[in-house]
PDB file of N, CA and C in Angstrom:
ATOM      1  N   UNK A   1       0.829  -1.214   0.092  1.00  0.00           N
ATOM      2  CA  UNK A   1      -0.009   0.060  -0.032  1.00  0.00           C
ATOM      3  C   UNK A   1       0.942   1.243  -0.134  1.00  0.00           C
ATOM      4  N   UNK A   2       0.527   2.212  -0.790  1.00  0.00           N
ATOM      5  CA  UNK A   2       1.259   3.552  -0.827  1.00  0.00           C
ATOM      6  C   UNK A   2       0.379   4.737  -0.183  1.00  0.00           C
ATOM      7  N   UNK A   3       1.051   5.397   0.606  1.00  0.00           N
ATOM      8  CA  UNK A   3       0.406   6.467   1.342  1.00  0.00           C
ATOM      9  C   UNK A   3       1.092   7.823   0.801  1.00  0.00           C
ATOM     10  N   UNK A   4       0.292   8.692   0.309  1.00  0.00           N
ATOM     11  CA  UNK A   4       0.726   9.909  -0.156  1.00  0.00           C
ATOM     12  C   UNK A   4       0.832  10.857   1.054  1.00  0.00           C
ATOM     13  N   UNK A   5       2.035  11.605   1.183  1.00  0.00           N
ATOM     14  CA  UNK A   5       2.285  12.599   2.076  1.00  0.00           C
ATOM     15  C   UNK A   5       3.065  13.709   1.774  1.00  0.00           C
ATOM     16  N   UNK A   6       3.058  14.810   2.446  1.00  0.00           N
ATOM     17  CA  UNK A   6       3.813  15.831   2.073  1.00  0.00           C
ATOM     18  C   UNK A   6       5.054  15.968   3.011  1.00  0.00           C
ATOM     19  N   UNK A   7       6.385  16.145   2.241  1.00  0.00           N
ATOM     20  CA  UNK A   7       7.538  16.275   3.209  1.00  0.00           C
ATOM     21  C   UNK A   7       8.209  17.611   2.904  1.00  0.00           C
ATOM     22  N   UNK A   8       8.803  18.159   3.794  1.00  0.00           N
ATOM     23  CA  UNK A   8       9.576  19.451   3.726  1.00  0.00           C
ATOM     24  C   UNK A   8      11.153  19.077   3.848  1.00  0.00           C
ATOM     25  N   UNK A   9      12.035  19.663   3.024  1.00  0.00           N
ATOM     26  CA  UNK A   9      13.372  19.443   2.974  1.00  0.00           C
ATOM     27  C   UNK A   9      14.187  20.812   2.884  1.00  0.00           C
ATOM     28  N   UNK A  10      15.337  20.673   3.403  1.00  0.00           N
ATOM     29  CA  UNK A  10      16.241  21.798   3.337  1.00  0.00           C
ATOM     30  C   UNK A  10      16.675  21.953   1.902  1.00  0.00           C
ATOM     31  N   UNK A  11      17.082  23.141   1.429  1.00  0.00           N
ATOM     32  CA  UNK A  11      17.654  23.250  -0.024  1.00  0.00           C
ATOM     33  C   UNK A  11      18.615  22.200  -0.221  1.00  0.00           C
ATOM     34  N   UNK A  12      19.536  22.004   0.754  1.00  0.00           N
ATOM     35  CA  UNK A  12      20.701  21.115   0.713  1.00  0.00           C
ATOM     36  C   UNK A  12      20.152  19.693   0.294  1.00  0.00           C
ATOM     37  N   UNK A  13      19.180  19.183   1.125  1.00  0.00           N
ATOM     38  CA  UNK A  13      18.495  17.826   0.991  1.00  0.00           C
ATOM     39  C   UNK A  13      17.754  17.774  -0.437  1.00  0.00           C
ATOM     40  N   UNK A  14      17.009  18.663  -0.611  1.00  0.00           N
ATOM     41  CA  UNK A  14      16.407  18.848  -1.916  1.00  0.00           C
ATOM     42  C   UNK A  14      17.266  18.751  -3.101  1.00  0.00           C
ATOM     43  N   UNK A  15      18.409  19.413  -3.182  1.00  0.00           N
ATOM     44  CA  UNK A  15      19.369  19.391  -4.174  1.00  0.00           C
ATOM     45  C   UNK A  15      19.920  17.976  -4.273  1.00  0.00           C
ATOM     46  N   UNK A  16      20.278  17.416  -3.059  1.00  0.00           N
ATOM     47  CA  UNK A  16      20.873  16.009  -3.089  1.00  0.00           C
ATOM     48  C   UNK A  16      20.013  15.059  -3.695  1.00  0.00           C
ATOM     49  N   UNK A  17      18.691  15.101  -3.244  1.00  0.00           N
ATOM     50  CA  UNK A  17      17.600  14.169  -3.937  1.00  0.00           C
ATOM     51  C   UNK A  17      17.452  14.248  -5.376  1.00  0.00           C
ATOM     52  N   UNK A  18      17.434  15.586  -5.791  1.00  0.00           N
ATOM     53  CA  UNK A  18      17.303  15.779  -7.205  1.00  0.00           C
ATOM     54  C   UNK A  18      18.452  15.197  -8.008  1.00  0.00           C
ATOM     55  N   UNK A  19      19.711  15.512  -7.411  1.00  0.00           N
ATOM     56  CA  UNK A  19      20.968  15.060  -8.094  1.00  0.00           C
ATOM     57  C   UNK A  19      20.984  13.565  -8.283  1.00  0.00           C
ATOM     58  N   UNK A  20      20.527  12.879  -7.339  1.00  0.00           N
ATOM     59  CA  UNK A  20      20.526  11.452  -7.368  1.00  0.00           C
ATOM     60  C   UNK A  20      19.413  10.829  -8.257  1.00  0.00           C
ATOM     61  N   UNK A  21      18.396  11.455  -8.500  1.00  0.00           N
ATOM     62  CA  UNK A  21      17.322  11.182  -9.327  1.00  0.00           C
ATOM     63  C   UNK A  21      17.986  11.524 -10.652  1.00  0.00           C
ATOM     64  N   UNK A  22      18.525  12.661 -10.853  1.00  0.00           N
ATOM     65  CA  UNK A  22      19.211  12.994 -12.152  1.00  0.00           C
ATOM     66  C   UNK A  22      20.236  12.150 -12.600  1.00  0.00           C
ATOM     67  N   UNK A  23      20.888  11.500 -11.738  1.00  0.00           N
ATOM     68  CA  UNK A  23      21.969  10.668 -12.003  1.00  0.00           C
ATOM     69  C   UNK A  23      21.401   9.154 -12.325  1.00  0.00           C
ATOM     70  N   UNK A  24      20.243   9.067 -12.211  1.00  0.00           N
ATOM     71  CA  UNK A  24      19.557   7.821 -12.533  1.00  0.00           C
ATOM     72  C   UNK A  24      19.735   6.718 -11.325  1.00  0.00           C
ATOM     73  N   UNK A  25      20.103   7.162 -10.120  1.00  0.00           N
ATOM     74  CA  UNK A  25      20.265   6.332  -9.055  1.00  0.00           C
ATOM     75  C   UNK A  25      18.912   5.898  -8.389  1.00  0.00           C
ATOM     76  N   UNK A  26      18.112   6.756  -8.381  1.00  0.00           N
ATOM     77  CA  UNK A  26      16.822   6.567  -7.962  1.00  0.00           C
ATOM     78  C   UNK A  26      15.743   6.936  -9.191  1.00  0.00           C
ATOM     79  N   UNK A  27      14.659   6.309  -9.068  1.00  0.00           N
ATOM     80  CA  UNK A  27      13.601   6.718 -10.283  1.00  0.00           C
ATOM     81  C   UNK A  27      12.923   8.088  -9.905  1.00  0.00           C
ATOM     82  N   UNK A  28      12.670   8.291  -8.600  1.00  0.00           N
ATOM     83  CA  UNK A  28      12.008   9.396  -8.082  1.00  0.00           C
ATOM     84  C   UNK A  28      12.563   9.831  -6.733  1.00  0.00           C
ATOM     85  N   UNK A  29      12.223  11.000  -6.273  1.00  0.00           N
ATOM     86  CA  UNK A  29      12.611  11.637  -5.006  1.00  0.00           C
ATOM     87  C   UNK A  29      12.059  10.550  -4.029  1.00  0.00           C
ATOM     88  N   UNK A  30      10.774  10.296  -4.238  1.00  0.00           N
ATOM     89  CA  UNK A  30      10.142   9.298  -3.196  1.00  0.00           C
ATOM     90  C   UNK A  30      10.767   8.100  -3.100  1.00  0.00           C
ATOM     91  N   UNK A  31      11.373   7.510  -4.203  1.00  0.00           N
ATOM     92  CA  UNK A  31      12.064   6.298  -4.032  1.00  0.00           C
ATOM     93  C   UNK A  31      13.337   6.478  -3.277  1.00  0.00           C
ATOM     94  N   UNK A  32      14.051   7.601  -3.336  1.00  0.00           N
ATOM     95  CA  UNK A  32      15.260   7.835  -2.623  1.00  0.00           C
ATOM     96  C   UNK A  32      14.947   7.911  -1.140  1.00  0.00           C
ATOM     97  N   UNK A  33      13.942   8.610  -0.829  1.00  0.00           N
ATOM     98  CA  UNK A  33      13.451   8.742   0.631  1.00  0.00           C
ATOM     99  C   UNK A  33      13.092   7.278   1.044  1.00  0.00           C
ATOM    100  N   UNK A  34      12.316   6.484   0.390  1.00  0.00           N
ATOM    101  CA  UNK A  34      12.010   5.268   0.859  1.00  0.00           C
ATOM    102  C   UNK A  34      13.143   4.313   1.053  1.00  0.00           C
ATOM    103  N   UNK A  35      14.153   4.344   0.225  1.00  0.00           N
ATOM    104  CA  UNK A  35      15.417   3.821   0.447  1.00  0.00           C
ATOM    105  C   UNK A  35      16.131   4.263   1.706  1.00  0.00           C
ATOM    106  N   UNK A  36      16.159   5.478   1.846  1.00  0.00           N
ATOM    107  CA  UNK A  36      16.642   5.986   3.208  1.00  0.00           C
ATOM    108  C   UNK A  36      15.922   5.388   4.348  1.00  0.00           C
ATOM    109  N   UNK A  37      14.662   5.533   4.360  1.00  0.00           N
ATOM    110  CA  UNK A  37      13.911   4.846   5.345  1.00  0.00           C
ATOM    111  C   UNK A  37      14.114   3.482   5.582  1.00  0.00           C
ATOM    112  N   UNK A  38      14.248   2.628   4.640  1.00  0.00           N
ATOM    113  CA  UNK A  38      14.553   1.292   4.694  1.00  0.00           C
ATOM    114  C   UNK A  38      15.932   0.945   5.241  1.00  0.00           C
ATOM    115  N   UNK A  39      16.825   1.824   4.921  1.00  0.00           N
ATOM    116  CA  UNK A  39      18.102   1.739   5.467  1.00  0.00           C
ATOM    117  C   UNK A  39      18.164   2.104   7.017  1.00  0.00           C
ATOM    118  N   UNK A  40      17.397   3.135   7.400  1.00  0.00           N
ATOM    119  CA  UNK A  40      17.314   3.408   8.871  1.00  0.00           C
ATOM    120  C   UNK A  40      16.687   2.373   9.514  1.00  0.00           C
ATOM    121  N   UNK A  41      15.665   1.627   8.999  1.00  0.00           N
ATOM    122  CA  UNK A  41      15.018   0.599   9.529  1.00  0.00           C
ATOM    123  C   UNK A  41      16.003  -0.560   9.828  1.00  0.00           C
ATOM    124  N   UNK A  42      16.676  -0.978   8.911  1.00  0.00           N
ATOM    125  CA  UNK A  42      17.635  -1.948   8.889  1.00  0.00           C
ATOM    126  C   UNK A  42      18.727  -1.687   9.991  1.00  0.00           C
ATOM    127  N   UNK A  43      19.224  -0.429   9.926  1.00  0.00           N
ATOM    128  CA  UNK A  43      20.266   0.012  10.947  1.00  0.00           C
ATOM    129  C   UNK A  43      19.663  -0.185  12.392  1.00  0.00           C
ATOM    130  N   UNK A  44      18.436   0.273  12.483  1.00  0.00           N
ATOM    131  CA  UNK A  44      17.811   0.084  13.821  1.00  0.00           C
ATOM    132  C   UNK A  44      17.710  -1.338  14.368  1.00  0.00           C
ATOM    133  N   UNK A  45      17.229  -2.296  13.362  1.00  0.00           N
ATOM    134  CA  UNK A  45      17.057  -3.599  13.755  1.00  0.00           C
ATOM    135  C   UNK A  45      18.521  -4.113  14.110  1.00  0.00           C
ATOM    136  N   UNK A  46      19.479  -3.909  13.359  1.00  0.00           N
ATOM    137  CA  UNK A  46      20.905  -4.424  13.670  1.00  0.00           C
ATOM    138  C   UNK A  46      21.322  -3.889  14.944  1.00  0.00           C
ATOM    139  N   UNK A  47      21.075  -2.621  15.225  1.00  0.00           N
ATOM    140  CA  UNK A  47      21.562  -1.982  16.524  1.00  0.00           C
ATOM    141  C   UNK A  47      20.832  -2.760  17.636  1.00  0.00           C
ATOM    142  N   UNK A  48      19.561  -3.029  17.479  1.00  0.00           N
ATOM    143  CA  UNK A  48      18.991  -3.834  18.613  1.00  0.00           C
ATOM    144  C   UNK A  48      19.529  -5.105  18.774  1.00  0.00           C
ATOM    145  N   UNK A  49      19.869  -5.823  17.626  1.00  0.00           N
ATOM    146  CA  UNK A  49      20.423  -7.273  17.758  1.00  0.00           C
ATOM    147  C   UNK A  49      21.818  -7.041  18.401  1.00  0.00           C
ATOM    148  N   UNK A  50      22.594  -6.059  18.156  1.00  0.00           N
ATOM    149  CA  UNK A  50      23.867  -5.851  18.561  1.00  0.00           C
ATOM    150  C   UNK A  50      23.735  -5.520  20.210  1.00  0.00           C
ATOM    151  N   UNK A  51      22.705  -4.594  20.685  1.00  0.00           N
ATOM    152  CA  UNK A  51      22.656  -4.310  21.958  1.00  0.00           C
ATOM    153  C   UNK A  51      22.047  -5.536  22.752  1.00  0.00           C
ATOM    154  N   UNK A  52      21.180  -6.324  22.178  1.00  0.00           N
ATOM    155  CA  UNK A  52      20.847  -7.515  22.908  1.00  0.00           C
ATOM    156  C   UNK A  52      22.016  -8.444  23.128  1.00  0.00           C
ATOM    157  N   UNK A  53      22.737  -8.647  22.167  1.00  0.00           N
ATOM    158  CA  UNK A  53      24.021  -9.576  22.269  1.00  0.00           C
ATOM    159  C   UNK A  53      24.939  -8.961  23.302  1.00  0.00           C
ATOM    160  N   UNK A  54      25.082  -7.687  23.305  1.00  0.00           N
ATOM    161  CA  UNK A  54      26.019  -7.138  24.315  1.00  0.00           C
ATOM    162  C   UNK A  54      25.465  -7.295  25.698  1.00  0.00           C
ATOM    163  N   UNK A  55      24.166  -7.069  25.851  1.00  0.00           N
ATOM    164  CA  UNK A  55      23.607  -7.311  27.137  1.00  0.00           C
ATOM    165  C   UNK A  55      23.656  -8.792  27.561  1.00  0.00           C
ATOM    166  N   UNK A  56      23.515  -9.728  26.677  1.00  0.00           N
ATOM    167  CA  UNK A  56      23.864 -11.193  26.940  1.00  0.00           C
ATOM    168  C   UNK A  56      25.141 -11.377  27.516  1.00  0.00           C
ATOM    169  N   UNK A  57      26.006 -10.845  26.848  1.00  0.00           N
ATOM    170  CA  UNK A  57      27.637 -11.018  27.100  1.00  0.00           C
ATOM    171  C   UNK A  57      27.856 -10.527  28.377  1.00  0.00           C
ATOM    172  N   UNK A  58      27.391  -9.213  28.679  1.00  0.00           N
ATOM    173  CA  UNK A  58      27.611  -8.558  29.992  1.00  0.00           C
ATOM    174  C   UNK A  58      27.017  -9.438  31.054  1.00  0.00           C
ATOM    175  N   UNK A  59      25.847  -9.925  30.948  1.00  0.00           N
ATOM    176  CA  UNK A  59      25.105 -10.817  31.999  1.00  0.00           C
ATOM    177  C   UNK A  59      26.059 -12.103  32.232  1.00  0.00           C
ATOM    178  N   UNK A  60      26.520 -12.660  31.094  1.00  0.00           N
ATOM    179  CA  UNK A  60      27.302 -13.924  31.119  1.00  0.00           C
ATOM    180  C   UNK A  60      28.611 -13.564  31.906  1.00  0.00           C
ATOM    181  N   UNK A  61      29.266 -12.596  31.474  1.00  0.00           N
ATOM    182  CA  UNK A  61      30.451 -12.172  32.251  1.00  0.00           C
ATOM    183  C   UNK A  61      30.266 -11.810  33.625  1.00  0.00           C
ATOM    184  N   UNK A  62      29.153 -11.194  34.023  1.00  0.00           N
ATOM    185  CA  UNK A  62      28.871 -10.868  35.570  1.00  0.00           C
ATOM    186  C   UNK A  62      28.621 -12.209  36.382  1.00  0.00           C
ATOM    187  N   UNK A  63      28.295 -13.272  35.609  1.00  0.00           N
ATOM    188  CA  UNK A  63      28.217 -14.573  36.387  1.00  0.00           C
ATOM    189  C   UNK A  63      29.415 -15.346  36.375  1.00  0.00           C
ATOM    190  N   UNK A  64      30.557 -14.802  35.837  1.00  0.00           N
ATOM    191  CA  UNK A  64      31.947 -15.470  35.920  1.00  0.00           C
ATOM    192  C   UNK A  64      32.456 -15.106  37.280  1.00  0.00           C
ATOM    193  N   UNK A  65      32.957 -16.322  37.958  1.00  0.00           N
ATOM    194  CA  UNK A  65      33.529 -16.119  39.274  1.00  0.00           C
ATOM    195  C   UNK A  65      34.894 -15.441  38.954  1.00  0.00           C
ATOM    196  N   UNK A  66      35.217 -14.686  40.102  1.00  0.00           N
ATOM    197  CA  UNK A  66      36.383 -13.904  40.132  1.00  0.00           C
ATOM    198  C   UNK A  66      37.735 -14.748  39.932  1.00  0.00           C
ATOM    199  N   UNK A  67      37.570 -16.024  40.420  1.00  0.00           N
ATOM    200  CA  UNK A  67      38.734 -16.880  40.181  1.00  0.00           C
ATOM    201  C   UNK A  67      38.996 -17.378  38.762  1.00  0.00           C
ATOM    202  N   UNK A  68      38.099 -16.925  37.772  1.00  0.00           N
ATOM    203  CA  UNK A  68      38.204 -17.331  36.428  1.00  0.00           C
ATOM    204  C   UNK A  68      38.782 -15.979  35.607  1.00  0.00           C
ATOM    205  N   UNK A  69      38.839 -14.947  36.359  1.00  0.00           N
ATOM    206  CA  UNK A  69      39.192 -13.605  35.644  1.00  0.00           C
ATOM    207  C   UNK A  69      40.653 -13.971  35.127  1.00  0.00           C
ATOM    208  N   UNK A  70      41.034 -13.273  34.078  1.00  0.00           N
ATOM    209  CA  UNK A  70      42.296 -13.271  33.488  1.00  0.00           C
ATOM    210  C   UNK A  70      43.001 -11.787  33.800  1.00  0.00           C
ATOM    211  N   UNK A  71      44.145 -11.983  34.366  1.00  0.00           N
ATOM    212  CA  UNK A  71      44.980 -10.650  34.581  1.00  0.00           C
ATOM    213  C   UNK A  71      45.038  -9.943  33.228  1.00  0.00           C
ATOM    214  N   UNK A  72      44.958  -8.514  33.195  1.00  0.00           N
ATOM    215  CA  UNK A  72      44.981  -7.710  32.067  1.00  0.00           C
ATOM    216  C   UNK A  72      46.360  -8.019  31.258  1.00  0.00           C
ATOM    217  N   UNK A  73      47.408  -8.089  32.045  1.00  0.00           N
ATOM    218  CA  UNK A  73      48.810  -8.200  31.476  1.00  0.00           C
ATOM    219  C   UNK A  73      48.813  -9.588  30.591  1.00  0.00           C
ATOM    220  N   UNK A  74      48.234 -10.704  31.284  1.00  0.00           N
ATOM    221  CA  UNK A  74      48.187 -11.858  30.640  1.00  0.00           C
ATOM    222  C   UNK A  74      47.293 -11.876  29.412  1.00  0.00           C
ATOM    223  N   UNK A  75      46.114 -11.153  29.527  1.00  0.00           N
ATOM    224  CA  UNK A  75      45.212 -11.052  28.502  1.00  0.00           C
ATOM    225  C   UNK A  75      45.659 -10.379  27.265  1.00  0.00           C
ATOM    226  N   UNK A  76      46.550  -9.539  27.249  1.00  0.00           N
ATOM    227  CA  UNK A  76      47.069  -8.812  26.190  1.00  0.00           C
ATOM    228  C   UNK A  76      48.528  -9.095  25.902  1.00  0.00           C
ATOM    229  N   UNK A  77      49.171  -9.995  26.553  1.00  0.00           N
ATOM    230  CA  UNK A  77      50.655 -10.359  26.315  1.00  0.00           C
ATOM    231  C   UNK A  77      50.771 -10.774  24.823  1.00  0.00           C
ATOM    232  N   UNK A  78      49.940 -11.697  24.413  1.00  0.00           N
ATOM    233  CA  UNK A  78      50.067 -12.235  22.904  1.00  0.00           C
ATOM    234  C   UNK A  78      49.854 -11.090  21.988  1.00  0.00           C
ATOM    235  N   UNK A  79      48.991 -10.123  22.218  1.00  0.00           N
ATOM    236  CA  UNK A  79      48.896  -8.956  21.284  1.00  0.00           C
ATOM    237  C   UNK A  79      50.109  -8.166  21.311  1.00  0.00           C
ATOM    238  N   UNK A  80      50.543  -7.877  22.517  1.00  0.00           N
ATOM    239  CA  UNK A  80      51.723  -7.011  22.656  1.00  0.00           C
ATOM    240  C   UNK A  80      52.846  -7.617  21.876  1.00  0.00           C
ATOM    241  N   UNK A  81      53.116  -9.090  22.091  1.00  0.00           N
ATOM    242  CA  UNK A  81      54.260  -9.767  21.388  1.00  0.00           C
ATOM    243  C   UNK A  81      54.023  -9.635  19.985  1.00  0.00           C
ATOM    244  N   UNK A  82      52.920  -9.718  19.349  1.00  0.00           N
ATOM    245  CA  UNK A  82      52.586  -9.691  17.910  1.00  0.00           C
ATOM    246  C   UNK A  82      52.900  -8.239  17.417  1.00  0.00           C
ATOM    247  N   UNK A  83      52.461  -7.310  18.133  1.00  0.00           N
ATOM    248  CA  UNK A  83      52.768  -5.996  17.701  1.00  0.00           C
ATOM    249  C   UNK A  83      54.267  -5.542  17.722  1.00  0.00           C
ATOM    250  N   UNK A  84      54.957  -6.051  18.824  1.00  0.00           N
ATOM    251  CA  UNK A  84      56.346  -5.977  18.977  1.00  0.00           C
ATOM    252  C   UNK A  84      57.200  -6.572  17.868  1.00  0.00           C
ATOM    253  N   UNK A  85      56.706  -7.828  17.519  1.00  0.00           N
ATOM    254  CA  UNK A  85      57.339  -8.554  16.277  1.00  0.00           C
ATOM    255  C   UNK A  85      57.118  -7.737  15.119  1.00  0.00           C
ATOM    256  N   UNK A  86      55.878  -7.199  14.934  1.00  0.00           N
ATOM    257  CA  UNK A  86      55.767  -6.520  13.530  1.00  0.00           C
ATOM    258  C   UNK A  86      56.447  -5.124  13.601  1.00  0.00           C
ATOM    259  N   UNK A  87      56.885  -4.563  14.682  1.00  0.00           N
ATOM    260  CA  UNK A  87      57.570  -3.427  14.586  1.00  0.00           C
ATOM    261  C   UNK A  87      59.137  -3.651  14.705  1.00  0.00           C
ATOM    262  N   UNK A  88      59.391  -4.841  15.020  1.00  0.00           N
ATOM    263  CA  UNK A  88      60.798  -5.415  14.943  1.00  0.00           C
ATOM    264  C   UNK A  88      61.481  -5.115  16.209  1.00  0.00           C
ATOM    265  N   UNK A  89      60.691  -5.065  17.239  1.00  0.00           N
ATOM    266  CA  UNK A  89      61.338  -4.663  18.692  1.00  0.00           C
ATOM    267  C   UNK A  89      61.381  -6.100  19.545  1.00  0.00           C
TER     268      UNK A  89
END
């Protein structure tokens, strides 16, 4: 279903839309706006997934006993050695 609406744009945005339509990237300005909205919707969905995964990881780590913690020097020693080798030090 298509809904007709009226939108207002700054001169900068209007020029950009017109340019993209003129270049043939989008058939109409409406198609360009719809593509932008679809991208925003996809970005929002991906952000929600990432935040949920981050929350799950934080909860899992909070349940980790302190005895299982790794010292920060030990945790990054391999990375430091790799960087040092790459720098020739």
